[in-house]
Amino acid sequence: CALPIFGEAETSGVGFNVVPREGGNTIHGSFFLGFANSSMQGKNFDDALRTAGLASPNELVKVWEVTPIVGGPLMKDKLWFLASARHQGTRNTIAGMYYNKNAGDITKWTYEPDLTRPALDDGTWKSAALRLTYQATQKNKINVFWDEQDRRVGWVGGGTTVRSPEEIALQFGHPNRVGQLTWSSPVTSRILLEAGASLHQLQWSGKERPGYNRNMIRVVEQGGAIPGLAYRGQTWASNWSGTYPLRGAISYVTGSHSSKFGFLRTHYTTDDRAADPQGIAYRFLNGVPNQLTLSGAPRRILEEHTTFGLYAQDSWTIKRLSVQG
């Protein structure tokens, strides 16, 4: 029987319960494979678009995904597993953006596009997850879940419609993980006990590209073929956060009446950093400097806090009328 979740939610809004997939007494699974490359893409780039100023369109280089899932028993009627993995990625050229012929040259202050090398937008994501379900006794069930992920962006190419490839630092995410431990016990047909602990760790970081000259100063060009173009120098940042909830509850459910009492404690920590080797950026108008910006980097911001809440919720249903509080 579904229970309203307004009491145990820390904020207002729409809430929903998710029932995760688990293994069973038979081996089962699935396999998904997807792939496409440039030969599978239609094209509508014509002289009208060239005349309008588009040097080159976005083009697909390749995209792929491989996702196997398998589940089954480790001990029949006692211990089950469900394992999954995913490897996916994208590679696309960026419309109108090219590598800079002057990249890395400390004596050059202008952007000169290399029309033979279009900028590349790339991303690669890998993940693996495992869920173990243990029926300790008839009325005690334990569930363990772990999900590990790795993300990398700009490691093959780099750049955007207004950022030259040499201005983009390497970006990666690891460790990105979710871990959960839950216990449930239907004491009677009307009383359910639950408890759980989890962690969510997320890191998104940037770092300088190999061989980068830290004496390069960033430039933003107001004029030119790409107004607002950023090129020449790099900055990078990193952010790490961890969230660690603990919860427990007792529920009482009948056909027309349901009550739930429990607690939720959450510990949160984050570490946010930014690096700017030069701490300065120039703004140009058609190659002539007209502004400079000083940054506060390197900087570091640490944050940590804990919340704790107790709740009690009750719901009565009489024919078509439901009252909750």
Protein backbone atom coordinates (compact mmCIF):
# COMPACT_ATOMS: atom_id res chain seq x y z
CA CYS A 1 0.00 0.00 0.00
CA ALA A 2 1.44 3.38 -1.01
CA LEU A 3 1.97 5.96 1.69
CA PRO A 4 2.03 9.73 1.24
CA ILE A 5 5.57 11.10 1.52
CA PHE A 6 4.86 14.70 2.55
CA GLY A 7 6.11 14.13 6.09
CA GLU A 8 9.50 12.63 5.30
CA ALA A 9 10.34 15.06 2.47
CA GLU A 10 12.63 17.93 3.45
CA THR A 11 11.15 20.23 0.81
CA SER A 12 7.75 20.69 -0.84
CA GLY A 13 6.95 19.54 -4.37
CA VAL A 14 6.17 16.38 -6.28
CA GLY A 15 7.48 13.16 -4.73
CA PHE A 16 7.47 9.57 -5.93
CA ASN A 17 8.68 6.16 -4.85
CA VAL A 18 10.94 4.05 -7.06
CA VAL A 19 11.03 0.26 -6.84
CA PRO A 20 14.45 -0.86 -8.17
CA ARG A 21 14.97 -3.98 -10.24
CA GLU A 22 16.38 -6.95 -8.32
CA GLY A 23 17.71 -10.39 -9.19
CA GLY A 24 15.65 -13.55 -8.77
CA ASN A 25 15.94 -17.33 -8.73
CA THR A 26 16.51 -17.52 -12.48
CA ILE A 27 19.26 -15.98 -14.59
CA HIS A 28 17.92 -13.18 -16.74
CA GLY A 29 19.36 -10.16 -18.49
CA SER A 30 19.42 -7.87 -21.50
CA PHE A 31 21.94 -6.34 -23.85
CA PHE A 32 21.70 -3.03 -25.70
CA LEU A 33 24.04 -1.85 -28.43
CA GLY A 34 23.72 1.41 -30.32
CA PHE A 35 26.06 3.01 -32.86
CA ALA A 36 25.98 5.69 -35.54
CA ASN A 37 28.60 7.57 -37.55
CA SER A 38 28.81 10.34 -40.13
CA SER A 39 27.69 8.10 -43.02
CA MET A 40 24.33 7.67 -41.25
CA GLN A 41 23.66 11.41 -40.95
CA GLY A 42 21.66 13.47 -43.40
CA LYS A 43 23.09 16.77 -44.67
CA ASN A 44 21.39 20.06 -45.54
CA PHE A 45 24.47 22.32 -45.68
CA ASP A 46 24.22 24.30 -48.93
CA ASP A 47 25.44 27.50 -50.60
CA ALA A 48 22.68 29.55 -48.94
CA LEU A 49 24.05 28.69 -45.50
CA ARG A 50 27.61 29.38 -46.65
CA THR A 51 26.55 32.79 -47.99
CA ALA A 52 24.85 33.52 -44.64
CA GLY A 53 28.25 33.04 -42.95
CA LEU A 54 28.23 29.45 -41.68
CA ALA A 55 31.69 28.08 -42.48
CA SER A 56 30.80 24.52 -41.50
CA PRO A 57 27.84 22.76 -39.83
CA ASN A 58 27.70 20.52 -36.78
CA GLU A 59 28.55 17.04 -37.99
CA LEU A 60 28.28 13.69 -36.29
CA VAL A 61 31.55 11.79 -36.13
CA LYS A 62 30.24 8.88 -34.07
CA VAL A 63 28.00 8.05 -31.13
CA TRP A 64 27.71 4.74 -29.30
CA GLU A 65 26.31 2.96 -26.28
CA VAL A 66 26.85 -0.56 -24.90
CA THR A 67 24.71 -1.63 -21.92
CA PRO A 68 24.65 -5.23 -20.59
CA ILE A 69 22.44 -6.21 -17.62
CA VAL A 70 22.35 -9.61 -15.89
CA GLY A 71 20.73 -10.85 -12.71
CA GLY A 72 20.11 -14.12 -10.92
CA PRO A 73 20.66 -16.15 -7.75
CA LEU A 74 23.87 -16.50 -5.76
CA MET A 75 21.97 -18.63 -3.21
CA LYS A 76 18.53 -19.78 -4.29
CA ASP A 77 15.71 -18.25 -2.21
CA LYS A 78 18.35 -16.40 -0.16
CA LEU A 79 20.75 -14.14 -2.04
CA TRP A 80 20.28 -12.51 -5.47
CA PHE A 81 22.32 -10.15 -7.61
CA LEU A 82 21.72 -7.69 -10.42
CA ALA A 83 24.72 -6.22 -12.28
CA SER A 84 24.80 -3.67 -15.07
CA ALA A 85 27.38 -1.64 -16.97
CA ARG A 86 27.35 1.12 -19.55
CA HIS A 87 29.89 2.57 -21.96
CA GLN A 88 28.70 5.46 -24.09
CA GLY A 89 30.22 8.38 -25.93
CA THR A 90 29.75 11.11 -28.52
CA ARG A 91 32.01 12.81 -31.03
CA ASN A 92 30.69 15.82 -33.00
CA THR A 93 32.32 18.66 -34.90
CA ILE A 94 31.31 22.18 -33.81
CA ALA A 95 29.76 24.49 -36.39
CA GLY A 96 32.05 27.36 -37.36
CA MET A 97 34.79 26.60 -34.81
CA TYR A 98 38.32 25.48 -35.70
CA TYR A 99 41.63 24.91 -33.98
CA ASN A 100 43.73 28.05 -33.57
CA LYS A 101 46.94 28.11 -35.60
CA ASN A 102 48.42 30.46 -32.97
CA ALA A 103 47.57 28.24 -30.00
CA GLY A 104 50.48 28.00 -27.54
CA ASP A 105 52.49 30.76 -29.24
CA ILE A 106 53.24 33.34 -26.54
CA THR A 107 54.11 35.96 -29.21
CA LYS A 108 50.71 35.79 -30.96
CA TRP A 109 47.57 37.53 -29.66
CA THR A 110 45.07 36.76 -32.41
CA TYR A 111 42.91 33.78 -33.32
CA GLU A 112 43.69 32.31 -36.73
CA PRO A 113 41.41 29.40 -37.62
CA ASP A 114 42.90 26.25 -39.14
CA LEU A 115 40.16 25.42 -41.62
CA THR A 116 41.49 21.88 -42.01
CA ARG A 117 40.86 21.08 -38.31
CA PRO A 118 37.29 21.63 -37.08
CA ALA A 119 36.83 21.70 -33.31
CA LEU A 120 35.48 18.51 -31.78
CA ASP A 121 32.90 18.17 -29.02
CA ASP A 122 33.48 14.86 -27.26
CA GLY A 123 32.29 13.04 -24.18
CA THR A 124 32.80 9.54 -22.78
CA TRP A 125 30.78 8.03 -19.92
CA LYS A 126 31.40 4.71 -18.16
CA SER A 127 29.45 3.19 -15.29
CA ALA A 128 29.03 -0.10 -13.45
CA ALA A 129 26.43 -1.00 -10.82
CA LEU A 130 25.75 -3.98 -8.57
CA ARG A 131 22.74 -4.71 -6.36
CA LEU A 132 22.69 -7.56 -3.82
CA THR A 133 19.47 -8.61 -2.11
CA TYR A 134 19.64 -10.88 0.94
CA GLN A 135 16.57 -12.49 2.52
CA ALA A 136 18.11 -13.07 5.96
CA THR A 137 14.87 -14.45 7.43
CA GLN A 138 11.26 -14.55 6.35
CA LYS A 139 10.74 -11.07 7.80
CA ASN A 140 14.17 -9.46 7.36
CA LYS A 141 15.42 -8.28 3.99
CA ILE A 142 18.72 -6.47 3.34
CA ASN A 143 19.60 -4.65 0.13
CA VAL A 144 23.06 -3.37 -0.88
CA PHE A 145 23.62 -1.19 -3.95
CA TRP A 146 26.76 0.39 -5.44
CA ASP A 147 27.05 2.49 -8.62
CA GLU A 148 30.43 3.76 -9.87
CA GLN A 149 30.68 6.25 -12.75
CA ASP A 150 33.42 7.98 -14.75
CA ARG A 151 32.93 10.97 -17.09
CA ARG A 152 35.44 12.62 -19.44
CA VAL A 153 34.74 15.64 -21.65
CA GLY A 154 37.14 17.39 -23.99
CA TRP A 155 39.87 14.75 -23.75
CA VAL A 156 39.85 14.06 -27.49
CA GLY A 157 39.02 17.53 -28.76
CA GLY A 158 37.47 20.54 -27.08
CA GLY A 159 35.86 23.87 -27.83
CA THR A 160 32.38 25.35 -28.16
CA THR A 161 30.74 27.76 -30.59
CA VAL A 162 32.45 30.69 -28.77
CA ARG A 163 35.50 29.01 -27.15
CA SER A 164 38.55 27.94 -29.09
CA PRO A 165 39.83 24.40 -28.36
CA GLU A 166 43.02 25.63 -26.63
CA GLU A 167 40.88 27.66 -24.19
CA ILE A 168 39.12 24.51 -22.89
CA ALA A 169 40.75 22.58 -20.06
CA LEU A 170 40.40 18.81 -19.66
CA GLN A 171 37.22 17.95 -17.76
CA PHE A 172 36.52 14.73 -15.89
CA GLY A 173 34.26 13.34 -13.22
CA HIS A 174 35.54 10.68 -10.83
CA PRO A 175 34.69 9.46 -8.31
CA ASN A 176 30.99 9.74 -9.06
CA ARG A 177 29.25 7.10 -7.01
CA VAL A 178 26.10 6.12 -5.17
CA GLY A 179 26.01 3.55 -2.36
CA GLN A 180 22.96 2.33 -0.45
CA LEU A 181 22.26 -0.07 2.40
CA THR A 182 18.63 -0.71 3.35
CA TRP A 183 16.77 -3.04 5.72
CA SER A 184 13.05 -3.76 5.85
CA SER A 185 10.96 -5.98 8.09
CA PRO A 186 7.18 -6.55 7.84
CA VAL A 187 6.65 -7.32 11.51
CA THR A 188 2.96 -8.01 10.92
CA SER A 189 0.57 -7.60 8.02
CA ARG A 190 0.05 -4.00 9.19
CA ILE A 191 3.42 -2.89 10.62
CA LEU A 192 6.55 -2.30 8.55
CA LEU A 193 9.98 -1.32 9.90
CA GLU A 194 12.55 0.32 7.61
CA ALA A 195 16.07 1.73 7.94
CA GLY A 196 18.70 2.85 5.48
CA ALA A 197 22.01 4.61 4.93
CA SER A 198 23.44 5.94 1.70
CA LEU A 199 26.17 8.05 0.20
CA HIS A 200 26.36 10.19 -2.92
CA GLN A 201 29.84 11.40 -3.90
CA LEU A 202 30.24 13.63 -6.92
CA GLN A 203 33.37 15.16 -8.38
CA TRP A 204 33.59 17.34 -11.47
CA SER A 205 37.09 18.63 -12.14
CA GLY A 206 39.17 20.39 -14.72
CA LYS A 207 42.89 20.36 -15.28
CA GLU A 208 45.29 21.94 -17.73
CA ARG A 209 46.05 20.19 -20.99
CA PRO A 210 49.45 18.47 -21.31
CA GLY A 211 52.09 20.93 -22.48
CA TYR A 212 50.01 24.02 -21.64
CA ASN A 213 52.06 27.21 -21.19
CA ARG A 214 50.87 28.90 -18.00
CA ASN A 215 52.17 32.25 -19.22
CA MET A 216 49.35 32.46 -21.77
CA ILE A 217 46.75 35.14 -20.95
CA ARG A 218 43.11 34.63 -21.86
CA VAL A 219 41.51 36.88 -24.49
CA VAL A 220 37.87 37.53 -25.39
CA GLU A 221 37.39 39.13 -28.81
CA GLN A 222 34.32 41.37 -29.20
CA GLY A 223 34.59 41.74 -32.95
CA GLY A 224 35.75 39.46 -35.71
CA ALA A 225 33.86 36.61 -37.34
CA ILE A 226 32.86 35.15 -33.95
CA PRO A 227 31.89 37.95 -31.52
CA GLY A 228 32.57 36.93 -27.93
CA LEU A 229 35.23 34.38 -28.91
CA ALA A 230 37.41 33.23 -25.98
CA TYR A 231 40.85 31.86 -26.86
CA ARG A 232 44.55 31.63 -25.98
CA GLY A 233 44.58 30.94 -22.18
CA GLN A 234 42.96 28.39 -19.87
CA THR A 235 41.33 28.32 -16.47
CA TRP A 236 40.03 25.25 -14.66
CA ALA A 237 37.96 24.44 -11.62
CA SER A 238 37.02 21.43 -9.53
CA ASN A 239 34.09 20.66 -7.32
CA TRP A 240 33.67 17.75 -4.94
CA SER A 241 30.56 17.08 -2.85
CA GLY A 242 29.39 14.29 -0.58
CA THR A 243 25.91 13.67 0.79
CA TYR A 244 25.33 11.05 3.50
CA PRO A 245 21.70 10.42 4.58
CA LEU A 246 20.51 8.13 7.38
CA ARG A 247 16.84 7.25 7.81
CA GLY A 248 14.49 5.05 9.81
CA ALA A 249 10.72 4.64 9.96
CA ILE A 250 7.82 2.58 11.25
CA SER A 251 4.63 2.37 9.19
CA TYR A 252 1.14 1.25 10.14
CA VAL A 253 -1.18 0.47 7.24
CA THR A 254 -4.78 -0.73 7.04
CA GLY A 255 -7.27 -0.49 4.24
CA SER A 256 -8.44 3.01 5.15
CA HIS A 257 -5.80 4.28 7.55
CA SER A 258 -2.02 4.69 7.30
CA SER A 259 0.50 6.26 9.64
CA LYS A 260 4.24 6.68 9.44
CA PHE A 261 6.79 7.91 12.00
CA GLY A 262 10.48 8.33 11.34
CA PHE A 263 13.62 10.42 11.13
CA LEU A 264 16.05 11.64 8.49
CA ARG A 265 19.59 12.84 9.13
CA THR A 266 21.74 14.18 6.29
CA HIS A 267 25.38 15.24 6.39
CA TYR A 268 26.60 17.35 3.46
CA THR A 269 30.10 18.52 2.54
CA THR A 270 31.53 20.27 -0.53
CA ASP A 271 34.95 21.48 -1.68
CA ASP A 272 34.95 24.00 -4.55
CA ARG A 273 38.23 25.22 -6.12
CA ALA A 274 39.24 27.34 -9.11
CA ALA A 275 42.62 27.91 -10.74
CA ASP A 276 43.75 30.76 -13.00
CA PRO A 277 47.54 30.76 -13.53
CA GLN A 278 47.66 34.39 -14.67
CA GLY A 279 44.68 35.79 -12.76
CA ILE A 280 43.99 38.19 -15.60
CA ALA A 281 42.04 38.26 -18.88
CA TYR A 282 42.01 40.80 -21.72
CA ARG A 283 39.13 41.93 -23.88
CA PHE A 284 39.87 42.95 -27.47
CA LEU A 285 37.89 44.77 -30.13
CA ASN A 286 39.25 43.75 -33.52
CA GLY A 287 42.62 43.00 -31.96
CA VAL A 288 42.85 46.18 -29.86
CA PRO A 289 42.68 45.74 -26.04
CA ASN A 290 39.96 47.79 -24.33
CA GLN A 291 39.46 46.06 -20.96
CA LEU A 292 41.17 43.78 -18.48
CA THR A 293 39.64 41.58 -15.79
CA LEU A 294 41.39 40.39 -12.64
CA SER A 295 40.20 37.18 -11.00
CA GLY A 296 40.25 36.04 -7.38
CA ALA A 297 41.73 32.67 -8.30
CA PRO A 298 43.20 30.54 -6.98
CA ARG A 299 40.35 30.16 -4.53
CA ARG A 300 38.86 27.44 -2.36
CA ILE A 301 35.41 27.29 -0.74
CA LEU A 302 34.64 24.63 1.88
CA GLU A 303 31.12 23.99 3.14
CA GLU A 304 29.77 21.45 5.61
CA HIS A 305 26.44 21.10 7.40
CA THR A 306 24.11 18.52 8.91
CA THR A 307 20.33 18.43 9.08
CA PHE A 308 18.13 16.30 11.31
CA GLY A 309 14.36 15.92 11.17
CA LEU A 310 11.62 13.95 12.90
CA TYR A 311 8.25 13.48 11.25
CA ALA A 312 4.85 11.93 11.86
CA GLN A 313 2.22 11.64 9.15
CA ASP A 314 -1.28 10.23 9.10
CA SER A 315 -3.81 9.54 6.36
CA TRP A 316 -7.47 8.52 6.59
CA THR A 317 -9.63 7.51 3.62
CA ILE A 318 -13.42 7.44 3.86
CA LYS A 319 -15.03 6.47 0.58
CA ARG A 320 -13.75 9.16 -1.85
CA LEU A 321 -12.45 11.50 0.81
CA SER A 322 -8.81 11.41 1.94
CA VAL A 323 -7.51 13.50 4.83
CA GLN A 324 -3.77 13.81 5.46
CA GLY A 325 -1.71 15.60 8.06
